[in-house]
Full PDB file with SEQRES, HELIX, SHEET, SSBOND, CRYST1, ORIGX, SCALE, CONECT and MASTER records, all heavy atoms in Angstrom:
SEQRES   1 A   37  VAL ARG TRP TRP ILE LEU ASP LEU ALA SER PRO GLY LEU          
SEQRES   2 A   37  LEU GLU MET MET ARG LYS SER MET GLY ARG HIS LEU ALA          
SEQRES   3 A   37  SER ALA PRO MET ARG PHE ALA PRO PRO ASP GLY                  
HELIX    1 AA1 PRO A   11  MET A   21  1                                  11    
HELIX    2 AA2 GLY A   22  LEU A   25  5                                   4    
CRYST1    1.000    1.000    1.000  90.00  90.00  90.00 P 1           1          
ORIGX1      1.000000  0.000000  0.000000        0.00000                         
ORIGX2      0.000000  1.000000  0.000000        0.00000                         
ORIGX3      0.000000  0.000000  1.000000        0.00000                         
SCALE1      1.000000  0.000000  0.000000        0.00000                         
SCALE2      0.000000  1.000000  0.000000        0.00000                         
SCALE3      0.000000  0.000000  1.000000        0.00000                         
ATOM      1  N   VAL A   1     -25.005   0.710  -4.465  1.00  0.00           N  
ATOM      2  CA  VAL A   1     -23.682   1.320  -4.282  1.00  0.00           C  
ATOM      3  C   VAL A   1     -23.320   2.000  -5.599  1.00  0.00           C  
ATOM      4  O   VAL A   1     -22.977   1.345  -6.577  1.00  0.00           O  
ATOM      5  CB  VAL A   1     -22.620   0.289  -3.867  1.00  0.00           C  
ATOM      6  CG1 VAL A   1     -21.240   0.934  -3.816  1.00  0.00           C  
ATOM      7  CG2 VAL A   1     -22.973  -0.334  -2.523  1.00  0.00           C  
ATOM      8  N   ARG A   2     -23.416   3.308  -5.629  1.00  0.00           N  
ATOM      9  CA  ARG A   2     -23.163   4.072  -6.859  1.00  0.00           C  
ATOM     10  C   ARG A   2     -21.719   4.538  -6.970  1.00  0.00           C  
ATOM     11  O   ARG A   2     -21.196   4.676  -8.061  1.00  0.00           O  
ATOM     12  CB  ARG A   2     -24.071   5.303  -6.913  1.00  0.00           C  
ATOM     13  CG  ARG A   2     -25.533   5.005  -6.943  1.00  0.00           C  
ATOM     14  CD  ARG A   2     -25.955   4.567  -8.347  1.00  0.00           C  
ATOM     15  NE  ARG A   2     -27.357   4.294  -8.418  1.00  0.00           N  
ATOM     16  CZ  ARG A   2     -28.269   5.170  -8.796  1.00  0.00           C  
ATOM     17  NH1 ARG A   2     -27.924   6.373  -9.147  1.00  0.00           N  
ATOM     18  NH2 ARG A   2     -29.543   4.819  -8.821  1.00  0.00           N  
ATOM     19  N   TRP A   3     -21.092   4.852  -5.821  1.00  0.00           N  
ATOM     20  CA  TRP A   3     -19.736   5.410  -5.824  1.00  0.00           C  
ATOM     21  C   TRP A   3     -18.885   4.697  -4.783  1.00  0.00           C  
ATOM     22  O   TRP A   3     -19.373   4.223  -3.764  1.00  0.00           O  
ATOM     23  CB  TRP A   3     -19.760   6.902  -5.494  1.00  0.00           C  
ATOM     24  CG  TRP A   3     -20.680   7.682  -6.355  1.00  0.00           C  
ATOM     25  CD1 TRP A   3     -20.432   8.190  -7.611  1.00  0.00           C  
ATOM     26  CD2 TRP A   3     -22.023   8.061  -6.042  1.00  0.00           C  
ATOM     27  NE1 TRP A   3     -21.526   8.862  -8.079  1.00  0.00           N  
ATOM     28  CE2 TRP A   3     -22.530   8.799  -7.138  1.00  0.00           C  
ATOM     29  CE3 TRP A   3     -22.864   7.850  -4.951  1.00  0.00           C  
ATOM     30  CZ2 TRP A   3     -23.806   9.320  -7.168  1.00  0.00           C  
ATOM     31  CZ3 TRP A   3     -24.141   8.363  -4.972  1.00  0.00           C  
ATOM     32  CH2 TRP A   3     -24.596   9.093  -6.077  1.00  0.00           C  
ATOM     33  N   TRP A   4     -17.589   4.712  -5.063  1.00  0.00           N  
ATOM     34  CA  TRP A   4     -16.618   4.114  -4.143  1.00  0.00           C  
ATOM     35  C   TRP A   4     -15.394   5.022  -4.147  1.00  0.00           C  
ATOM     36  O   TRP A   4     -14.819   5.310  -5.201  1.00  0.00           O  
ATOM     37  CB  TRP A   4     -16.267   2.715  -4.617  1.00  0.00           C  
ATOM     38  CG  TRP A   4     -15.308   1.947  -3.763  1.00  0.00           C  
ATOM     39  CD1 TRP A   4     -14.898   2.215  -2.493  1.00  0.00           C  
ATOM     40  CD2 TRP A   4     -14.638   0.742  -4.142  1.00  0.00           C  
ATOM     41  NE1 TRP A   4     -14.029   1.256  -2.055  1.00  0.00           N  
ATOM     42  CE2 TRP A   4     -13.850   0.335  -3.051  1.00  0.00           C  
ATOM     43  CE3 TRP A   4     -14.627  -0.027  -5.304  1.00  0.00           C  
ATOM     44  CZ2 TRP A   4     -13.064  -0.802  -3.076  1.00  0.00           C  
ATOM     45  CZ3 TRP A   4     -13.841  -1.166  -5.327  1.00  0.00           C  
ATOM     46  CH2 TRP A   4     -13.066  -1.557  -4.226  1.00  0.00           C  
ATOM     47  N   ILE A   5     -14.997   5.483  -2.984  1.00  0.00           N  
ATOM     48  CA  ILE A   5     -13.796   6.315  -2.845  1.00  0.00           C  
ATOM     49  C   ILE A   5     -12.753   5.506  -2.081  1.00  0.00           C  
ATOM     50  O   ILE A   5     -13.043   4.948  -1.016  1.00  0.00           O  
ATOM     51  CB  ILE A   5     -14.098   7.652  -2.134  1.00  0.00           C  
ATOM     52  CG1 ILE A   5     -15.058   8.480  -2.995  1.00  0.00           C  
ATOM     53  CG2 ILE A   5     -12.806   8.417  -1.861  1.00  0.00           C  
ATOM     54  CD1 ILE A   5     -15.485   9.792  -2.360  1.00  0.00           C  
ATOM     55  N   LEU A   6     -11.545   5.469  -2.649  1.00  0.00           N  
ATOM     56  CA  LEU A   6     -10.469   4.696  -2.044  1.00  0.00           C  
ATOM     57  C   LEU A   6      -9.153   5.428  -2.228  1.00  0.00           C  
ATOM     58  O   LEU A   6      -9.039   6.307  -3.071  1.00  0.00           O  
ATOM     59  CB  LEU A   6     -10.406   3.301  -2.687  1.00  0.00           C  
ATOM     60  CG  LEU A   6     -10.282   3.248  -4.204  1.00  0.00           C  
ATOM     61  CD1 LEU A   6      -8.833   3.073  -4.642  1.00  0.00           C  
ATOM     62  CD2 LEU A   6     -11.126   2.112  -4.739  1.00  0.00           C  
ATOM     63  N   ASP A   7      -8.186   5.048  -1.425  1.00  0.00           N  
ATOM     64  CA  ASP A   7      -6.837   5.562  -1.649  1.00  0.00           C  
ATOM     65  C   ASP A   7      -6.028   4.430  -2.250  1.00  0.00           C  
ATOM     66  O   ASP A   7      -6.280   3.256  -1.991  1.00  0.00           O  
ATOM     67  CB  ASP A   7      -6.208   6.116  -0.371  1.00  0.00           C  
ATOM     68  CG  ASP A   7      -6.164   5.114   0.769  1.00  0.00           C  
ATOM     69  OD1 ASP A   7      -7.044   4.236   0.836  1.00  0.00           O  
ATOM     70  OD2 ASP A   7      -5.262   5.215   1.605  1.00  0.00           O  
ATOM     71  N   LEU A   8      -5.086   4.797  -3.092  1.00  0.00           N  
ATOM     72  CA  LEU A   8      -4.335   3.819  -3.866  1.00  0.00           C  
ATOM     73  C   LEU A   8      -2.867   4.209  -3.865  1.00  0.00           C  
ATOM     74  O   LEU A   8      -2.532   5.382  -4.006  1.00  0.00           O  
ATOM     75  CB  LEU A   8      -4.878   3.806  -5.302  1.00  0.00           C  
ATOM     76  CG  LEU A   8      -4.416   2.715  -6.235  1.00  0.00           C  
ATOM     77  CD1 LEU A   8      -4.816   1.338  -5.731  1.00  0.00           C  
ATOM     78  CD2 LEU A   8      -5.003   2.945  -7.620  1.00  0.00           C  
ATOM     79  N   ALA A   9      -2.014   3.211  -3.702  1.00  0.00           N  
ATOM     80  CA  ALA A   9      -0.564   3.440  -3.727  1.00  0.00           C  
ATOM     81  C   ALA A   9       0.045   2.666  -4.886  1.00  0.00           C  
ATOM     82  O   ALA A   9      -0.465   1.617  -5.285  1.00  0.00           O  
ATOM     83  CB  ALA A   9       0.069   2.994  -2.415  1.00  0.00           C  
ATOM     84  N   SER A  10       1.132   3.172  -5.403  1.00  0.00           N  
ATOM     85  CA  SER A  10       1.869   2.477  -6.465  1.00  0.00           C  
ATOM     86  C   SER A  10       2.772   1.415  -5.835  1.00  0.00           C  
ATOM     87  O   SER A  10       3.133   1.507  -4.652  1.00  0.00           O  
ATOM     88  CB  SER A  10       2.725   3.470  -7.244  1.00  0.00           C  
ATOM     89  OG  SER A  10       3.783   3.937  -6.430  1.00  0.00           O  
ATOM     90  N   PRO A  11       3.172   0.408  -6.621  1.00  0.00           N  
ATOM     91  CA  PRO A  11       4.107  -0.593  -6.103  1.00  0.00           C  
ATOM     92  C   PRO A  11       5.425   0.030  -5.633  1.00  0.00           C  
ATOM     93  O   PRO A  11       6.001  -0.416  -4.641  1.00  0.00           O  
ATOM     94  CB  PRO A  11       4.333  -1.525  -7.294  1.00  0.00           C  
ATOM     95  CG  PRO A  11       3.115  -1.371  -8.134  1.00  0.00           C  
ATOM     96  CD  PRO A  11       2.701   0.072  -7.963  1.00  0.00           C  
ATOM     97  N   GLY A  12       5.899   1.057  -6.330  1.00  0.00           N  
ATOM     98  CA  GLY A  12       7.143   1.714  -5.926  1.00  0.00           C  
ATOM     99  C   GLY A  12       7.031   2.368  -4.564  1.00  0.00           C  
ATOM    100  O   GLY A  12       7.949   2.285  -3.740  1.00  0.00           O  
ATOM    101  N   LEU A  13       5.925   3.022  -4.303  1.00  0.00           N  
ATOM    102  CA  LEU A  13       5.716   3.639  -2.988  1.00  0.00           C  
ATOM    103  C   LEU A  13       5.546   2.580  -1.913  1.00  0.00           C  
ATOM    104  O   LEU A  13       6.083   2.709  -0.809  1.00  0.00           O  
ATOM    105  CB  LEU A  13       4.506   4.569  -3.011  1.00  0.00           C  
ATOM    106  CG  LEU A  13       4.248   5.313  -1.706  1.00  0.00           C  
ATOM    107  CD1 LEU A  13       5.393   6.272  -1.381  1.00  0.00           C  
ATOM    108  CD2 LEU A  13       2.934   6.069  -1.772  1.00  0.00           C  
ATOM    109  N   LEU A  14       4.830   1.513  -2.230  1.00  0.00           N  
ATOM    110  CA  LEU A  14       4.649   0.429  -1.265  1.00  0.00           C  
ATOM    111  C   LEU A  14       5.994  -0.161  -0.861  1.00  0.00           C  
ATOM    112  O   LEU A  14       6.256  -0.371   0.325  1.00  0.00           O  
ATOM    113  CB  LEU A  14       3.746  -0.653  -1.859  1.00  0.00           C  
ATOM    114  CG  LEU A  14       3.446  -1.831  -0.945  1.00  0.00           C  
ATOM    115  CD1 LEU A  14       2.535  -1.424   0.193  1.00  0.00           C  
ATOM    116  CD2 LEU A  14       2.817  -2.952  -1.744  1.00  0.00           C  
ATOM    117  N   GLU A  15       6.861  -0.379  -1.834  1.00  0.00           N  
ATOM    118  CA  GLU A  15       8.183  -0.922  -1.541  1.00  0.00           C  
ATOM    119  C   GLU A  15       8.995   0.037  -0.673  1.00  0.00           C  
ATOM    120  O   GLU A  15       9.665  -0.376   0.278  1.00  0.00           O  
ATOM    121  CB  GLU A  15       8.928  -1.236  -2.845  1.00  0.00           C  
ATOM    122  CG  GLU A  15      10.244  -1.944  -2.644  1.00  0.00           C  
ATOM    123  CD  GLU A  15      10.101  -3.293  -1.951  1.00  0.00           C  
ATOM    124  OE1 GLU A  15       9.075  -3.967  -2.121  1.00  0.00           O  
ATOM    125  OE2 GLU A  15      11.043  -3.677  -1.232  1.00  0.00           O  
ATOM    126  N   MET A  16       8.943   1.326  -0.981  1.00  0.00           N  
ATOM    127  CA  MET A  16       9.655   2.317  -0.188  1.00  0.00           C  
ATOM    128  C   MET A  16       9.136   2.323   1.263  1.00  0.00           C  
ATOM    129  O   MET A  16       9.916   2.365   2.214  1.00  0.00           O  
ATOM    130  CB  MET A  16       9.496   3.706  -0.792  1.00  0.00           C  
ATOM    131  CG  MET A  16      10.281   4.789  -0.057  1.00  0.00           C  
ATOM    132  SD  MET A  16       9.968   6.438  -0.707  1.00  0.00           S  
ATOM    133  CE  MET A  16       8.425   6.823   0.095  1.00  0.00           C  
ATOM    134  N   MET A  17       7.818   2.250   1.430  1.00  0.00           N  
ATOM    135  CA  MET A  17       7.242   2.251   2.781  1.00  0.00           C  
ATOM    136  C   MET A  17       7.605   0.979   3.532  1.00  0.00           C  
ATOM    137  O   MET A  17       7.867   1.020   4.732  1.00  0.00           O  
ATOM    138  CB  MET A  17       5.725   2.427   2.711  1.00  0.00           C  
ATOM    139  CG  MET A  17       5.327   3.819   2.282  1.00  0.00           C  
ATOM    140  SD  MET A  17       3.554   4.192   2.426  1.00  0.00           S  
ATOM    141  CE  MET A  17       2.798   2.930   1.436  1.00  0.00           C  
ATOM    142  N   ARG A  18       7.629  -0.138   2.838  1.00  0.00           N  
ATOM    143  CA  ARG A  18       8.028  -1.398   3.487  1.00  0.00           C  
ATOM    144  C   ARG A  18       9.454  -1.305   4.010  1.00  0.00           C  
ATOM    145  O   ARG A  18       9.755  -1.765   5.105  1.00  0.00           O  
ATOM    146  CB  ARG A  18       7.926  -2.557   2.509  1.00  0.00           C  
ATOM    147  CG  ARG A  18       6.545  -3.075   2.309  1.00  0.00           C  
ATOM    148  CD  ARG A  18       6.581  -4.244   1.347  1.00  0.00           C  
ATOM    149  NE  ARG A  18       5.273  -4.751   1.074  1.00  0.00           N  
ATOM    150  CZ  ARG A  18       4.950  -5.400  -0.028  1.00  0.00           C  
ATOM    151  NH1 ARG A  18       5.842  -5.613  -0.968  1.00  0.00           N  
ATOM    152  NH2 ARG A  18       3.727  -5.845  -0.200  1.00  0.00           N  
ATOM    153  N   LYS A  19      10.342  -0.714   3.205  1.00  0.00           N  
ATOM    154  CA  LYS A  19      11.743  -0.606   3.619  1.00  0.00           C  
ATOM    155  C   LYS A  19      11.918   0.363   4.779  1.00  0.00           C  
ATOM    156  O   LYS A  19      12.696   0.118   5.689  1.00  0.00           O  
ATOM    157  CB  LYS A  19      12.613  -0.164   2.441  1.00  0.00           C  
ATOM    158  CG  LYS A  19      12.822  -1.239   1.413  1.00  0.00           C  
ATOM    159  CD  LYS A  19      13.650  -0.740   0.251  1.00  0.00           C  
ATOM    160  CE  LYS A  19      13.827  -1.827  -0.787  1.00  0.00           C  
ATOM    161  NZ  LYS A  19      14.513  -1.328  -1.982  1.00  0.00           N  
ATOM    162  N   SER A  20      11.213   1.475   4.738  1.00  0.00           N  
ATOM    163  CA  SER A  20      11.419   2.490   5.771  1.00  0.00           C  
ATOM    164  C   SER A  20      10.595   2.250   7.032  1.00  0.00           C  
ATOM    165  O   SER A  20      10.991   2.667   8.109  1.00  0.00           O  
ATOM    166  CB  SER A  20      11.113   3.881   5.212  1.00  0.00           C  
ATOM    167  OG  SER A  20       9.743   3.987   4.883  1.00  0.00           O  
ATOM    168  N   MET A  21       9.464   1.586   6.903  1.00  0.00           N  
ATOM    169  CA  MET A  21       8.572   1.419   8.057  1.00  0.00           C  
ATOM    170  C   MET A  21       8.265  -0.037   8.362  1.00  0.00           C  
ATOM    171  O   MET A  21       7.468  -0.324   9.246  1.00  0.00           O  
ATOM    172  CB  MET A  21       7.249   2.161   7.788  1.00  0.00           C  
ATOM    173  CG  MET A  21       7.431   3.640   7.594  1.00  0.00           C  
ATOM    174  SD  MET A  21       5.951   4.488   7.001  1.00  0.00           S  
ATOM    175  CE  MET A  21       4.647   3.834   7.967  1.00  0.00           C  
ATOM    176  N   GLY A  22       8.884  -0.965   7.645  1.00  0.00           N  
ATOM    177  CA  GLY A  22       8.564  -2.380   7.748  1.00  0.00           C  
ATOM    178  C   GLY A  22       8.541  -2.938   9.145  1.00  0.00           C  
ATOM    179  O   GLY A  22       7.604  -3.639   9.532  1.00  0.00           O  
ATOM    180  N   ARG A  23       9.532  -2.614   9.940  1.00  0.00           N  
ATOM    181  CA  ARG A  23       9.583  -3.183  11.294  1.00  0.00           C  
ATOM    182  C   ARG A  23       8.465  -2.640  12.168  1.00  0.00           C  
ATOM    183  O   ARG A  23       8.007  -3.307  13.085  1.00  0.00           O  
ATOM    184  CB  ARG A  23      10.950  -2.955  11.932  1.00  0.00           C  
ATOM    185  CG  ARG A  23      11.324  -1.518  12.148  1.00  0.00           C  
ATOM    186  CD  ARG A  23      12.767  -1.398  12.700  1.00  0.00           C  
ATOM    187  NE  ARG A  23      13.154  -0.029  12.787  1.00  0.00           N  
ATOM    188  CZ  ARG A  23      12.973   0.729  13.873  1.00  0.00           C  
ATOM    189  NH1 ARG A  23      12.448   0.221  14.954  1.00  0.00           N  
ATOM    190  NH2 ARG A  23      13.344   1.990  13.870  1.00  0.00           N  
ATOM    191  N   HIS A  24       7.989  -1.444  11.883  1.00  0.00           N  
ATOM    192  CA  HIS A  24       6.902  -0.863  12.661  1.00  0.00           C  
ATOM    193  C   HIS A  24       5.547  -1.434  12.255  1.00  0.00           C  
ATOM    194  O   HIS A  24       4.575  -1.308  12.989  1.00  0.00           O  
ATOM    195  CB  HIS A  24       6.865   0.659  12.489  1.00  0.00           C  
ATOM    196  CG  HIS A  24       8.112   1.333  12.942  1.00  0.00           C  
ATOM    197  ND1 HIS A  24       8.488   1.393  14.265  1.00  0.00           N  
ATOM    198  CD2 HIS A  24       9.088   1.963  12.239  1.00  0.00           C  
ATOM    199  CE1 HIS A  24       9.637   2.032  14.368  1.00  0.00           C  
ATOM    200  NE2 HIS A  24      10.021   2.391  13.152  1.00  0.00           N  
ATOM    201  N   LEU A  25       5.507  -2.026  11.070  1.00  0.00           N  
ATOM    202  CA  LEU A  25       4.245  -2.540  10.550  1.00  0.00           C  
ATOM    203  C   LEU A  25       4.228  -4.061  10.455  1.00  0.00           C  
ATOM    204  O   LEU A  25       3.469  -4.626   9.681  1.00  0.00           O  
ATOM    205  CB  LEU A  25       3.976  -1.936   9.165  1.00  0.00           C  
ATOM    206  CG  LEU A  25       3.845  -0.421   9.132  1.00  0.00           C  
ATOM    207  CD1 LEU A  25       3.771   0.080   7.702  1.00  0.00           C  
ATOM    208  CD2 LEU A  25       2.618   0.024   9.912  1.00  0.00           C  
ATOM    209  N   ALA A  26       5.041  -4.717  11.263  1.00  0.00           N  
ATOM    210  CA  ALA A  26       5.139  -6.174  11.200  1.00  0.00           C  
ATOM    211  C   ALA A  26       3.787  -6.847  11.437  1.00  0.00           C  
ATOM    212  O   ALA A  26       3.474  -7.860  10.816  1.00  0.00           O  
ATOM    213  CB  ALA A  26       6.165  -6.674  12.215  1.00  0.00           C  
ATOM    214  N   SER A  27       2.976  -6.299  12.309  1.00  0.00           N  
ATOM    215  CA  SER A  27       1.674  -6.912  12.595  1.00  0.00           C  
ATOM    216  C   SER A  27       0.592  -6.453  11.618  1.00  0.00           C  
ATOM    217  O   SER A  27      -0.526  -6.966  11.657  1.00  0.00           O  
ATOM    218  CB  SER A  27       1.248  -6.614  14.030  1.00  0.00           C  
ATOM    219  OG  SER A  27       1.099  -5.228  14.209  1.00  0.00           O  
ATOM    220  N   ALA A  28       0.895  -5.499  10.761  1.00  0.00           N  
ATOM    221  CA  ALA A  28      -0.061  -5.008   9.759  1.00  0.00           C  
ATOM    222  C   ALA A  28       0.683  -4.722   8.456  1.00  0.00           C  
ATOM    223  O   ALA A  28       0.824  -3.577   8.050  1.00  0.00           O  
ATOM    224  CB  ALA A  28      -0.764  -3.755  10.271  1.00  0.00           C  
ATOM    225  N   PRO A  29       1.161  -5.778   7.788  1.00  0.00           N  
ATOM    226  CA  PRO A  29       1.939  -5.559   6.567  1.00  0.00           C  
ATOM    227  C   PRO A  29       1.099  -4.968   5.429  1.00  0.00           C  
ATOM    228  O   PRO A  29      -0.078  -5.294   5.283  1.00  0.00           O  
ATOM    229  CB  PRO A  29       2.442  -6.958   6.210  1.00  0.00           C  
ATOM    230  CG  PRO A  29       1.491  -7.889   6.874  1.00  0.00           C  
ATOM    231  CD  PRO A  29       1.013  -7.187   8.111  1.00  0.00           C  
ATOM    232  N   MET A  30       1.729  -4.101   4.665  1.00  0.00           N  
ATOM    233  CA  MET A  30       1.074  -3.497   3.503  1.00  0.00           C  
ATOM    234  C   MET A  30       1.248  -4.436   2.323  1.00  0.00           C  
ATOM    235  O   MET A  30       2.344  -4.930   2.078  1.00  0.00           O  
ATOM    236  CB  MET A  30       1.679  -2.127   3.223  1.00  0.00           C  
ATOM    237  CG  MET A  30       1.375  -1.132   4.328  1.00  0.00           C  
ATOM    238  SD  MET A  30       2.156   0.458   4.043  1.00  0.00           S  
ATOM    239  CE  MET A  30       3.832   0.070   4.559  1.00  0.00           C  
ATOM    240  N   ARG A  31       0.155  -4.655   1.575  1.00  0.00           N  
ATOM    241  CA  ARG A  31       0.186  -5.674   0.538  1.00  0.00           C  
ATOM    242  C   ARG A  31      -0.300  -5.211  -0.828  1.00  0.00           C  
ATOM    243  O   ARG A  31       0.236  -5.642  -1.828  1.00  0.00           O  
ATOM    244  CB  ARG A  31      -0.684  -6.843   0.976  1.00  0.00           C  
ATOM    245  CG  ARG A  31      -0.203  -7.511   2.238  1.00  0.00           C  
ATOM    246  CD  ARG A  31      -1.150  -8.631   2.599  1.00  0.00           C  
ATOM    247  NE  ARG A  31      -0.610  -9.423   3.679  1.00  0.00           N  
ATOM    248  CZ  ARG A  31      -1.146  -9.504   4.874  1.00  0.00           C  
ATOM    249  NH1 ARG A  31      -2.256  -8.851   5.140  1.00  0.00           N  
ATOM    250  NH2 ARG A  31      -0.593 -10.245   5.800  1.00  0.00           N  
ATOM    251  N   PHE A  32      -1.332  -4.401  -0.890  1.00  0.00           N  
ATOM    252  CA  PHE A  32      -1.995  -4.136  -2.164  1.00  0.00           C  
ATOM    253  C   PHE A  32      -1.550  -2.825  -2.789  1.00  0.00           C  
ATOM    254  O   PHE A  32      -1.732  -1.752  -2.215  1.00  0.00           O  
ATOM    255  CB  PHE A  32      -3.512  -4.110  -1.981  1.00  0.00           C  
ATOM    256  CG  PHE A  32      -4.266  -3.924  -3.263  1.00  0.00           C  
ATOM    257  CD1 PHE A  32      -4.384  -4.954  -4.172  1.00  0.00           C  
ATOM    258  CD2 PHE A  32      -4.851  -2.710  -3.560  1.00  0.00           C  
ATOM    259  CE1 PHE A  32      -5.069  -4.792  -5.360  1.00  0.00           C  
ATOM    260  CE2 PHE A  32      -5.544  -2.519  -4.739  1.00  0.00           C  
ATOM    261  CZ  PHE A  32      -5.657  -3.571  -5.645  1.00  0.00           C  
ATOM    262  N   ALA A  33      -0.960  -2.922  -3.975  1.00  0.00           N  
ATOM    263  CA  ALA A  33      -0.556  -1.761  -4.777  1.00  0.00           C  
ATOM    264  C   ALA A  33      -0.451  -2.251  -6.209  1.00  0.00           C  
ATOM    265  O   ALA A  33       0.608  -2.688  -6.651  1.00  0.00           O  
ATOM    266  CB  ALA A  33       0.765  -1.189  -4.286  1.00  0.00           C  
ATOM    267  N   PRO A  34      -1.545  -2.208  -6.959  1.00  0.00           N  
ATOM    268  CA  PRO A  34      -1.527  -2.782  -8.309  1.00  0.00           C  
ATOM    269  C   PRO A  34      -0.694  -1.954  -9.287  1.00  0.00           C  
ATOM    270  O   PRO A  34      -0.834  -0.730  -9.338  1.00  0.00           O  
ATOM    271  CB  PRO A  34      -2.998  -2.783  -8.713  1.00  0.00           C  
ATOM    272  CG  PRO A  34      -3.598  -1.655  -7.923  1.00  0.00           C  
ATOM    273  CD  PRO A  34      -2.841  -1.622  -6.629  1.00  0.00           C  
ATOM    274  N   PRO A  35       0.174  -2.600 -10.068  1.00  0.00           N  
ATOM    275  CA  PRO A  35       0.989  -1.874 -11.041  1.00  0.00           C  
ATOM    276  C   PRO A  35       0.148  -1.142 -12.089  1.00  0.00           C  
ATOM    277  O   PRO A  35       0.571  -0.132 -12.621  1.00  0.00           O  
ATOM    278  CB  PRO A  35       1.848  -2.949 -11.709  1.00  0.00           C  
ATOM    279  CG  PRO A  35       1.620  -4.198 -10.961  1.00  0.00           C  
ATOM    280  CD  PRO A  35       0.463  -4.019 -10.048  1.00  0.00           C  
ATOM    281  N   ASP A  36      -1.062  -1.673 -12.350  1.00  0.00           N  
ATOM    282  CA  ASP A  36      -1.936  -1.044 -13.337  1.00  0.00           C  
ATOM    283  C   ASP A  36      -2.860  -0.003 -12.704  1.00  0.00           C  
ATOM    284  O   ASP A  36      -3.755   0.517 -13.370  1.00  0.00           O  
ATOM    285  CB  ASP A  36      -2.732  -2.089 -14.109  1.00  0.00           C  
ATOM    286  CG  ASP A  36      -3.510  -3.044 -13.226  1.00  0.00           C  
ATOM    287  OD1 ASP A  36      -3.273  -3.083 -12.007  1.00  0.00           O  
ATOM    288  OD2 ASP A  36      -4.367  -3.769 -13.760  1.00  0.00           O  
ATOM    289  N   GLY A  37      -2.632   0.324 -11.450  1.00  0.00           N  
ATOM    290  CA  GLY A  37      -3.344   1.418 -10.787  1.00  0.00           C  
ATOM    291  C   GLY A  37      -4.845   1.336 -10.938  1.00  0.00           C  
ATOM    292  O   GLY A  37      -5.454   0.298 -10.666  1.00  0.00           O  
TER     293      GLY A  37                                                      
MASTER        0    0    0    2    0    0    0    6  292    1    0    3          
END                                                                             
């Protein structure tokens, strides 16, 4: 495995998405957004 491509969110964006979409994502909560990116 030479390369890994991923998408990454900041904690601030994760919190905003939880507030705006939280009820729609109850069965698939968003969890990972490292402050150190």
